[in-house]
Amino acid sequence: MKMFRNTLIPGVAFLVISVFQGWFFSADGAEENNVGRTFAPYFLSVTTPSRRPDADGFLQRWLLLEPIDKPNRSNTVFTDSYVRDALYTEYFPGQFTVLPGDGDTVSVEGRELKWHALDATGFNVKLFRFAYGLNKQSYGVLFRAVTVVDAPREMRNVRLAVGSNSASMWWLNGQEAVSLFGDRRMVMDDAVSKRLTLKKGRNIIRGAVINGPGMSDFCVRFIDENGDPVKDLEIRF
């Protein structure tokens, strides 16, 4: 009886794990159980004309594009050269120049992808939850994000501070500002740009995050010369 029990329990455990994995992942890494998915509690729809950064200066309002398929079974491939090639590739016209609107669509390799205007409920923007809530592939993907900050005056010597899981690149007003390479977890202010100038009025921030397996998210804010958050901004599209 003891020998039978020792054989049965591992077998049952293996069966349960196998069934769970079969339910949760499809062949290409996307989840299959699509019933009842939502953004909640990680995102809210945009309902106000503008919003300010949170108490710590983090930008929570973003236009997020549905994930672009970019198969990678490991994050160890995210070297400087690989990430630059992947994130500078133009996947759709106007990728680096057009300011999208909520509900706008682009075509990437025959797939129609939509832009979503969302407010993150936390300081970090949970891209995995964004994709999961849309029943989209959550692993082996590339995300693009855009936001606009309105500065009440010219602000010199500010820095763009970013954290991401996994690798990412960020542009301010069309110029590369900060990049994060390699297999990494998201840590606030993990990479900080050189000194930048925010123009009075509209400033466009574009970001791209690439990930293989695991979660995906990012956090972005501006900090001043003393490392304090810049909060005197309006985020509006």
C-alpha atoms as a PDB file:
ATOM      1  CA  MET A   1       0.000   0.000   0.000  1.00  0.00           C
ATOM      2  CA  LYS A   2       2.835   2.423   0.902  1.00  0.00           C
ATOM      3  CA  MET A   3       4.596   1.720  -2.410  1.00  0.00           C
ATOM      4  CA  PHE A   4       1.308   2.281  -4.294  1.00  0.00           C
ATOM      5  CA  ARG A   5       0.755   5.582  -2.464  1.00  0.00           C
ATOM      6  CA  ASN A   6       4.309   6.779  -3.229  1.00  0.00           C
ATOM      7  CA  THR A   7       3.769   5.989  -6.907  1.00  0.00           C
ATOM      8  CA  LEU A   8       0.279   7.469  -7.103  1.00  0.00           C
ATOM      9  CA  ILE A   9       0.932  10.856  -5.509  1.00  0.00           C
ATOM     10  CA  PRO A  10       3.759  11.954  -7.838  1.00  0.00           C
ATOM     11  CA  GLY A  11       1.711  10.703 -10.790  1.00  0.00           C
ATOM     12  CA  VAL A  12      -1.328  12.708  -9.758  1.00  0.00           C
ATOM     13  CA  ALA A  13       0.814  15.801  -9.192  1.00  0.00           C
ATOM     14  CA  PHE A  14       2.357  15.457 -12.650  1.00  0.00           C
ATOM     15  CA  LEU A  15      -1.112  15.105 -14.189  1.00  0.00           C
ATOM     16  CA  VAL A  16      -2.438  18.183 -12.410  1.00  0.00           C
ATOM     17  CA  ILE A  17       0.568  20.281 -13.478  1.00  0.00           C
ATOM     18  CA  SER A  18       0.283  19.050 -17.056  1.00  0.00           C
ATOM     19  CA  VAL A  19      -3.423  19.860 -17.211  1.00  0.00           C
ATOM     20  CA  PHE A  20      -2.791  23.317 -15.725  1.00  0.00           C
ATOM     21  CA  GLN A  21      -0.032  24.059 -18.216  1.00  0.00           C
ATOM     22  CA  GLY A  22      -2.194  22.893 -21.083  1.00  0.00           C
ATOM     23  CA  TRP A  23      -5.028  25.144 -19.923  1.00  0.00           C
ATOM     24  CA  PHE A  24      -2.868  28.219 -19.311  1.00  0.00           C
ATOM     25  CA  PHE A  25      -0.538  28.242 -22.307  1.00  0.00           C
ATOM     26  CA  SER A  26      -1.098  27.675 -25.997  1.00  0.00           C
ATOM     27  CA  ALA A  27       1.617  26.421 -28.324  1.00  0.00           C
ATOM     28  CA  ASP A  28       2.938  29.929 -29.005  1.00  0.00           C
ATOM     29  CA  GLY A  29       2.973  30.953 -25.359  1.00  0.00           C
ATOM     30  CA  ALA A  30      -0.353  32.781 -25.318  1.00  0.00           C
ATOM     31  CA  GLU A  31      -2.958  31.959 -22.706  1.00  0.00           C
ATOM     32  CA  GLU A  32      -6.042  30.068 -23.836  1.00  0.00           C
ATOM     33  CA  ASN A  33      -8.704  30.558 -21.166  1.00  0.00           C
ATOM     34  CA  ASN A  34     -10.245  33.821 -22.338  1.00  0.00           C
ATOM     35  CA  VAL A  35     -13.404  33.903 -20.241  1.00  0.00           C
ATOM     36  CA  GLY A  36     -14.043  36.950 -18.075  1.00  0.00           C
ATOM     37  CA  ARG A  37     -10.769  38.783 -18.623  1.00  0.00           C
ATOM     38  CA  THR A  38     -10.528  42.497 -17.841  1.00  0.00           C
ATOM     39  CA  PHE A  39      -7.913  45.184 -17.206  1.00  0.00           C
ATOM     40  CA  ALA A  40      -9.167  45.545 -13.645  1.00  0.00           C
ATOM     41  CA  PRO A  41      -7.732  46.358 -11.204  1.00  0.00           C
ATOM     42  CA  TYR A  42      -4.584  47.412 -13.070  1.00  0.00           C
ATOM     43  CA  PHE A  43      -6.014  49.964 -15.540  1.00  0.00           C
ATOM     44  CA  LEU A  44      -8.882  52.402 -15.878  1.00  0.00           C
ATOM     45  CA  SER A  45     -10.306  53.965 -19.011  1.00  0.00           C
ATOM     46  CA  VAL A  46      -9.323  57.591 -19.557  1.00  0.00           C
ATOM     47  CA  THR A  47     -12.257  59.812 -18.555  1.00  0.00           C
ATOM     48  CA  THR A  48     -10.651  63.225 -17.903  1.00  0.00           C
ATOM     49  CA  PRO A  49      -8.894  65.627 -20.302  1.00  0.00           C
ATOM     50  CA  SER A  50      -5.649  65.467 -18.342  1.00  0.00           C
ATOM     51  CA  ARG A  51      -4.026  64.194 -15.185  1.00  0.00           C
ATOM     52  CA  ARG A  52      -0.942  64.947 -13.160  1.00  0.00           C
ATOM     53  CA  PRO A  53       1.835  62.543 -12.225  1.00  0.00           C
ATOM     54  CA  ASP A  54       1.262  60.639  -9.006  1.00  0.00           C
ATOM     55  CA  ALA A  55       2.673  61.716  -5.628  1.00  0.00           C
ATOM     56  CA  ASP A  56       6.101  60.339  -6.592  1.00  0.00           C
ATOM     57  CA  GLY A  57       6.102  61.841 -10.074  1.00  0.00           C
ATOM     58  CA  PHE A  58       5.323  58.668 -12.027  1.00  0.00           C
ATOM     59  CA  LEU A  59       3.481  59.004 -15.334  1.00  0.00           C
ATOM     60  CA  GLN A  60       0.403  56.770 -15.248  1.00  0.00           C
ATOM     61  CA  ARG A  61      -1.516  57.835 -18.368  1.00  0.00           C
ATOM     62  CA  TRP A  62      -0.358  56.132 -21.571  1.00  0.00           C
ATOM     63  CA  LEU A  63      -1.382  55.115 -25.050  1.00  0.00           C
ATOM     64  CA  LEU A  64      -0.479  51.427 -25.290  1.00  0.00           C
ATOM     65  CA  LEU A  65      -0.364  49.425 -28.503  1.00  0.00           C
ATOM     66  CA  GLU A  66      -1.528  45.834 -28.451  1.00  0.00           C
ATOM     67  CA  PRO A  67       1.540  43.573 -28.341  1.00  0.00           C
ATOM     68  CA  ILE A  68       3.621  42.868 -31.427  1.00  0.00           C
ATOM     69  CA  ASP A  69       4.633  39.226 -31.763  1.00  0.00           C
ATOM     70  CA  LYS A  70       8.399  38.932 -31.206  1.00  0.00           C
ATOM     71  CA  PRO A  71       9.178  35.336 -30.182  1.00  0.00           C
ATOM     72  CA  ASN A  72      11.960  34.959 -27.622  1.00  0.00           C
ATOM     73  CA  ARG A  73      12.020  31.978 -25.293  1.00  0.00           C
ATOM     74  CA  SER A  74      14.737  33.542 -23.151  1.00  0.00           C
ATOM     75  CA  ASN A  75      15.531  37.069 -22.014  1.00  0.00           C
ATOM     76  CA  THR A  76      19.271  36.375 -22.183  1.00  0.00           C
ATOM     77  CA  VAL A  77      19.303  37.413 -25.869  1.00  0.00           C
ATOM     78  CA  PHE A  78      18.561  41.056 -25.021  1.00  0.00           C
ATOM     79  CA  THR A  79      22.030  42.428 -25.679  1.00  0.00           C
ATOM     80  CA  ASP A  80      22.610  46.041 -26.659  1.00  0.00           C
ATOM     81  CA  SER A  81      22.777  45.238 -30.385  1.00  0.00           C
ATOM     82  CA  TYR A  82      19.772  42.880 -30.370  1.00  0.00           C
ATOM     83  CA  VAL A  83      17.521  45.301 -28.497  1.00  0.00           C
ATOM     84  CA  ARG A  84      18.513  48.269 -30.636  1.00  0.00           C
ATOM     85  CA  ASP A  85      17.817  46.332 -33.820  1.00  0.00           C
ATOM     86  CA  ALA A  86      14.464  45.055 -32.532  1.00  0.00           C
ATOM     87  CA  LEU A  87      13.234  48.373 -31.143  1.00  0.00           C
ATOM     88  CA  TYR A  88      14.461  50.610 -33.962  1.00  0.00           C
ATOM     89  CA  THR A  89      12.842  48.374 -36.590  1.00  0.00           C
ATOM     90  CA  GLU A  90       9.845  50.149 -38.116  1.00  0.00           C
ATOM     91  CA  TYR A  91       6.915  47.766 -37.694  1.00  0.00           C
ATOM     92  CA  PHE A  92       4.305  50.204 -39.016  1.00  0.00           C
ATOM     93  CA  PRO A  93       4.346  53.592 -40.801  1.00  0.00           C
ATOM     94  CA  GLY A  94       4.664  56.635 -38.541  1.00  0.00           C
ATOM     95  CA  GLN A  95       5.951  54.553 -35.632  1.00  0.00           C
ATOM     96  CA  PHE A  96       8.373  57.304 -34.540  1.00  0.00           C
ATOM     97  CA  THR A  97       6.458  60.356 -35.754  1.00  0.00           C
ATOM     98  CA  VAL A  98       2.672  59.959 -35.505  1.00  0.00           C
ATOM     99  CA  LEU A  99       0.877  60.652 -32.236  1.00  0.00           C
ATOM    100  CA  PRO A 100      -1.827  57.950 -32.087  1.00  0.00           C
ATOM    101  CA  GLY A 101      -5.303  58.346 -30.659  1.00  0.00           C
ATOM    102  CA  ASP A 102      -7.380  55.996 -28.557  1.00  0.00           C
ATOM    103  CA  GLY A 103      -8.809  53.316 -30.837  1.00  0.00           C
ATOM    104  CA  ASP A 104      -6.458  54.014 -33.757  1.00  0.00           C
ATOM    105  CA  THR A 105      -5.176  50.881 -35.475  1.00  0.00           C
ATOM    106  CA  VAL A 106      -1.992  49.897 -37.280  1.00  0.00           C
ATOM    107  CA  SER A 107      -1.135  46.838 -39.330  1.00  0.00           C
ATOM    108  CA  VAL A 108       1.888  44.763 -38.334  1.00  0.00           C
ATOM    109  CA  GLU A 109       2.690  41.765 -40.524  1.00  0.00           C
ATOM    110  CA  GLY A 110      -0.951  41.447 -41.528  1.00  0.00           C
ATOM    111  CA  ARG A 111      -2.321  41.791 -37.994  1.00  0.00           C
ATOM    112  CA  GLU A 112      -4.444  44.768 -36.975  1.00  0.00           C
ATOM    113  CA  LEU A 113      -3.343  46.156 -33.621  1.00  0.00           C
ATOM    114  CA  LYS A 114      -5.185  48.845 -31.662  1.00  0.00           C
ATOM    115  CA  TRP A 115      -3.988  51.706 -29.474  1.00  0.00           C
ATOM    116  CA  HIS A 116      -5.608  51.992 -26.026  1.00  0.00           C
ATOM    117  CA  ALA A 117      -5.640  55.131 -23.845  1.00  0.00           C
ATOM    118  CA  LEU A 118      -5.391  53.952 -20.246  1.00  0.00           C
ATOM    119  CA  ASP A 119      -4.644  55.155 -16.739  1.00  0.00           C
ATOM    120  CA  ALA A 120      -2.527  52.740 -14.716  1.00  0.00           C
ATOM    121  CA  THR A 121      -3.765  52.355 -11.154  1.00  0.00           C
ATOM    122  CA  GLY A 122      -0.250  51.798  -9.814  1.00  0.00           C
ATOM    123  CA  PHE A 123       3.012  53.644 -10.331  1.00  0.00           C
ATOM    124  CA  ASN A 124       4.084  50.926 -12.778  1.00  0.00           C
ATOM    125  CA  VAL A 125       2.332  50.104 -16.040  1.00  0.00           C
ATOM    126  CA  LYS A 126       1.639  46.376 -16.072  1.00  0.00           C
ATOM    127  CA  LEU A 127       2.027  45.380 -19.706  1.00  0.00           C
ATOM    128  CA  PHE A 128       1.500  41.688 -19.014  1.00  0.00           C
ATOM    129  CA  ARG A 129      -1.904  42.476 -17.481  1.00  0.00           C
ATOM    130  CA  PHE A 130      -2.700  44.765 -20.408  1.00  0.00           C
ATOM    131  CA  ALA A 131      -2.076  41.955 -22.908  1.00  0.00           C
ATOM    132  CA  TYR A 132      -3.768  39.333 -20.738  1.00  0.00           C
ATOM    133  CA  GLY A 133      -6.865  41.481 -20.312  1.00  0.00           C
ATOM    134  CA  LEU A 134      -7.167  41.782 -24.094  1.00  0.00           C
ATOM    135  CA  ASN A 135      -6.737  38.028 -24.644  1.00  0.00           C
ATOM    136  CA  LYS A 136      -3.519  38.775 -26.487  1.00  0.00           C
ATOM    137  CA  GLN A 137      -0.208  36.964 -26.388  1.00  0.00           C
ATOM    138  CA  SER A 138       1.619  37.939 -23.201  1.00  0.00           C
ATOM    139  CA  TYR A 139       5.044  36.326 -23.759  1.00  0.00           C
ATOM    140  CA  GLY A 140       7.566  36.755 -26.561  1.00  0.00           C
ATOM    141  CA  VAL A 141       6.210  40.199 -27.411  1.00  0.00           C
ATOM    142  CA  LEU A 142       7.157  43.808 -27.989  1.00  0.00           C
ATOM    143  CA  PHE A 143       5.094  46.659 -26.541  1.00  0.00           C
ATOM    144  CA  ARG A 144       5.027  50.282 -27.675  1.00  0.00           C
ATOM    145  CA  ALA A 145       3.874  53.135 -25.436  1.00  0.00           C
ATOM    146  CA  VAL A 146       3.345  56.851 -26.005  1.00  0.00           C
ATOM    147  CA  THR A 147       2.396  59.723 -23.728  1.00  0.00           C
ATOM    148  CA  VAL A 148       2.481  63.512 -23.799  1.00  0.00           C
ATOM    149  CA  VAL A 149       3.505  65.754 -20.912  1.00  0.00           C
ATOM    150  CA  ASP A 150       2.645  69.428 -20.926  1.00  0.00           C
ATOM    151  CA  ALA A 151       5.241  71.532 -19.096  1.00  0.00           C
ATOM    152  CA  PRO A 152       4.140  74.934 -17.739  1.00  0.00           C
ATOM    153  CA  ARG A 153       7.575  76.397 -18.542  1.00  0.00           C
ATOM    154  CA  GLU A 154      10.890  75.299 -20.004  1.00  0.00           C
ATOM    155  CA  MET A 155      12.484  72.870 -17.571  1.00  0.00           C
ATOM    156  CA  ARG A 156      16.222  72.375 -17.922  1.00  0.00           C
ATOM    157  CA  ASN A 157      18.463  69.759 -16.366  1.00  0.00           C
ATOM    158  CA  VAL A 158      15.743  67.215 -15.723  1.00  0.00           C
ATOM    159  CA  ARG A 159      16.359  63.517 -16.205  1.00  0.00           C
ATOM    160  CA  LEU A 160      14.136  60.743 -17.473  1.00  0.00           C
ATOM    161  CA  ALA A 161      14.208  57.886 -14.944  1.00  0.00           C
ATOM    162  CA  VAL A 162      12.961  54.484 -16.082  1.00  0.00           C
ATOM    163  CA  GLY A 163      12.575  50.922 -14.881  1.00  0.00           C
ATOM    164  CA  SER A 164      11.368  48.027 -17.014  1.00  0.00           C
ATOM    165  CA  ASN A 165      10.942  44.282 -17.227  1.00  0.00           C
ATOM    166  CA  SER A 166      12.680  43.290 -19.453  1.00  0.00           C
ATOM    167  CA  ALA A 167      14.689  45.465 -21.912  1.00  0.00           C
ATOM    168  CA  SER A 168      13.419  48.824 -23.136  1.00  0.00           C
ATOM    169  CA  MET A 169      14.271  52.065 -24.959  1.00  0.00           C
ATOM    170  CA  TRP A 170      12.804  55.545 -24.458  1.00  0.00           C
ATOM    171  CA  TRP A 171      12.696  58.686 -26.606  1.00  0.00           C
ATOM    172  CA  LEU A 172      11.886  62.290 -25.680  1.00  0.00           C
ATOM    173  CA  ASN A 173      10.734  64.540 -28.525  1.00  0.00           C
ATOM    174  CA  GLY A 174      12.233  62.182 -31.090  1.00  0.00           C
ATOM    175  CA  GLN A 175      15.645  61.811 -29.437  1.00  0.00           C
ATOM    176  CA  GLU A 176      16.799  58.642 -27.683  1.00  0.00           C
ATOM    177  CA  ALA A 177      16.960  59.427 -23.979  1.00  0.00           C
ATOM    178  CA  VAL A 178      17.579  56.228 -22.026  1.00  0.00           C
ATOM    179  CA  SER A 179      17.906  52.491 -22.685  1.00  0.00           C
ATOM    180  CA  LEU A 180      17.885  49.353 -20.552  1.00  0.00           C
ATOM    181  CA  PHE A 181      19.386  46.112 -21.855  1.00  0.00           C
ATOM    182  CA  GLY A 182      19.639  42.536 -20.667  1.00  0.00           C
ATOM    183  CA  ASP A 183      17.396  40.283 -18.605  1.00  0.00           C
ATOM    184  CA  ARG A 184      16.198  42.493 -15.773  1.00  0.00           C
ATOM    185  CA  ARG A 185      13.402  42.991 -13.303  1.00  0.00           C
ATOM    186  CA  MET A 186      11.661  46.328 -13.029  1.00  0.00           C
ATOM    187  CA  VAL A 187      13.195  48.648 -10.449  1.00  0.00           C
ATOM    188  CA  MET A 188      12.205  52.298 -10.224  1.00  0.00           C
ATOM    189  CA  ASP A 189      14.868  54.665 -11.596  1.00  0.00           C
ATOM    190  CA  ASP A 190      16.902  51.669 -12.766  1.00  0.00           C
ATOM    191  CA  ALA A 191      18.313  53.776 -15.615  1.00  0.00           C
ATOM    192  CA  VAL A 192      18.501  57.564 -15.693  1.00  0.00           C
ATOM    193  CA  SER A 193      19.121  59.736 -18.740  1.00  0.00           C
ATOM    194  CA  LYS A 194      21.641  62.507 -19.117  1.00  0.00           C
ATOM    195  CA  ARG A 195      20.374  66.037 -18.428  1.00  0.00           C
ATOM    196  CA  LEU A 196      17.425  66.916 -20.673  1.00  0.00           C
ATOM    197  CA  THR A 197      15.221  69.917 -21.355  1.00  0.00           C
ATOM    198  CA  LEU A 198      11.453  69.774 -21.313  1.00  0.00           C
ATOM    199  CA  LYS A 199      10.036  72.390 -23.673  1.00  0.00           C
ATOM    200  CA  LYS A 200       7.284  74.681 -22.494  1.00  0.00           C
ATOM    201  CA  GLY A 201       4.118  72.998 -23.701  1.00  0.00           C
ATOM    202  CA  ARG A 202       3.890  69.526 -25.257  1.00  0.00           C
ATOM    203  CA  ASN A 203       6.653  66.944 -24.969  1.00  0.00           C
ATOM    204  CA  ILE A 204       6.200  63.497 -26.465  1.00  0.00           C
ATOM    205  CA  ILE A 205       7.617  60.405 -24.764  1.00  0.00           C
ATOM    206  CA  ARG A 206       7.797  57.161 -26.707  1.00  0.00           C
ATOM    207  CA  GLY A 207       8.836  53.842 -25.264  1.00  0.00           C
ATOM    208  CA  ALA A 208       9.285  50.258 -26.392  1.00  0.00           C
ATOM    209  CA  VAL A 209       9.562  47.242 -24.100  1.00  0.00           C
ATOM    210  CA  ILE A 210      10.563  43.749 -25.227  1.00  0.00           C
ATOM    211  CA  ASN A 211      10.166  40.569 -23.214  1.00  0.00           C
ATOM    212  CA  GLY A 212      10.364  36.821 -23.631  1.00  0.00           C
ATOM    213  CA  PRO A 213       8.987  34.698 -20.771  1.00  0.00           C
ATOM    214  CA  GLY A 214       7.798  36.268 -17.544  1.00  0.00           C
ATOM    215  CA  MET A 215       6.037  39.471 -16.592  1.00  0.00           C
ATOM    216  CA  SER A 216       6.338  42.791 -18.437  1.00  0.00           C
ATOM    217  CA  ASP A 217       5.960  46.256 -16.931  1.00  0.00           C
ATOM    218  CA  PHE A 218       7.603  49.673 -16.723  1.00  0.00           C
ATOM    219  CA  CYS A 219       7.673  52.875 -14.703  1.00  0.00           C
ATOM    220  CA  VAL A 220       8.683  56.332 -15.918  1.00  0.00           C
ATOM    221  CA  ARG A 221       9.131  59.721 -14.254  1.00  0.00           C
ATOM    222  CA  PHE A 222      11.213  62.868 -14.497  1.00  0.00           C
ATOM    223  CA  ILE A 223      13.560  63.843 -11.690  1.00  0.00           C
ATOM    224  CA  ASP A 224      15.339  67.124 -11.051  1.00  0.00           C
ATOM    225  CA  GLU A 225      18.974  67.908 -10.223  1.00  0.00           C
ATOM    226  CA  ASN A 226      18.434  66.801  -6.634  1.00  0.00           C
ATOM    227  CA  GLY A 227      16.818  63.529  -7.603  1.00  0.00           C
ATOM    228  CA  ASP A 228      13.375  64.764  -6.558  1.00  0.00           C
ATOM    229  CA  PRO A 229      10.358  63.939  -8.739  1.00  0.00           C
ATOM    230  CA  VAL A 230       9.089  66.543 -11.190  1.00  0.00           C
ATOM    231  CA  LYS A 231       5.346  66.784 -10.541  1.00  0.00           C
ATOM    232  CA  ASP A 232       4.471  70.148 -12.080  1.00  0.00           C
ATOM    233  CA  LEU A 233       3.308  68.530 -15.328  1.00  0.00           C
ATOM    234  CA  GLU A 234       0.036  67.726 -17.059  1.00  0.00           C
ATOM    235  CA  ILE A 235      -0.367  64.468 -18.981  1.00  0.00           C
ATOM    236  CA  ARG A 236      -2.696  64.939 -21.919  1.00  0.00           C
ATOM    237  CA  PHE A 237      -2.945  63.507 -25.418  1.00  0.00           C
END
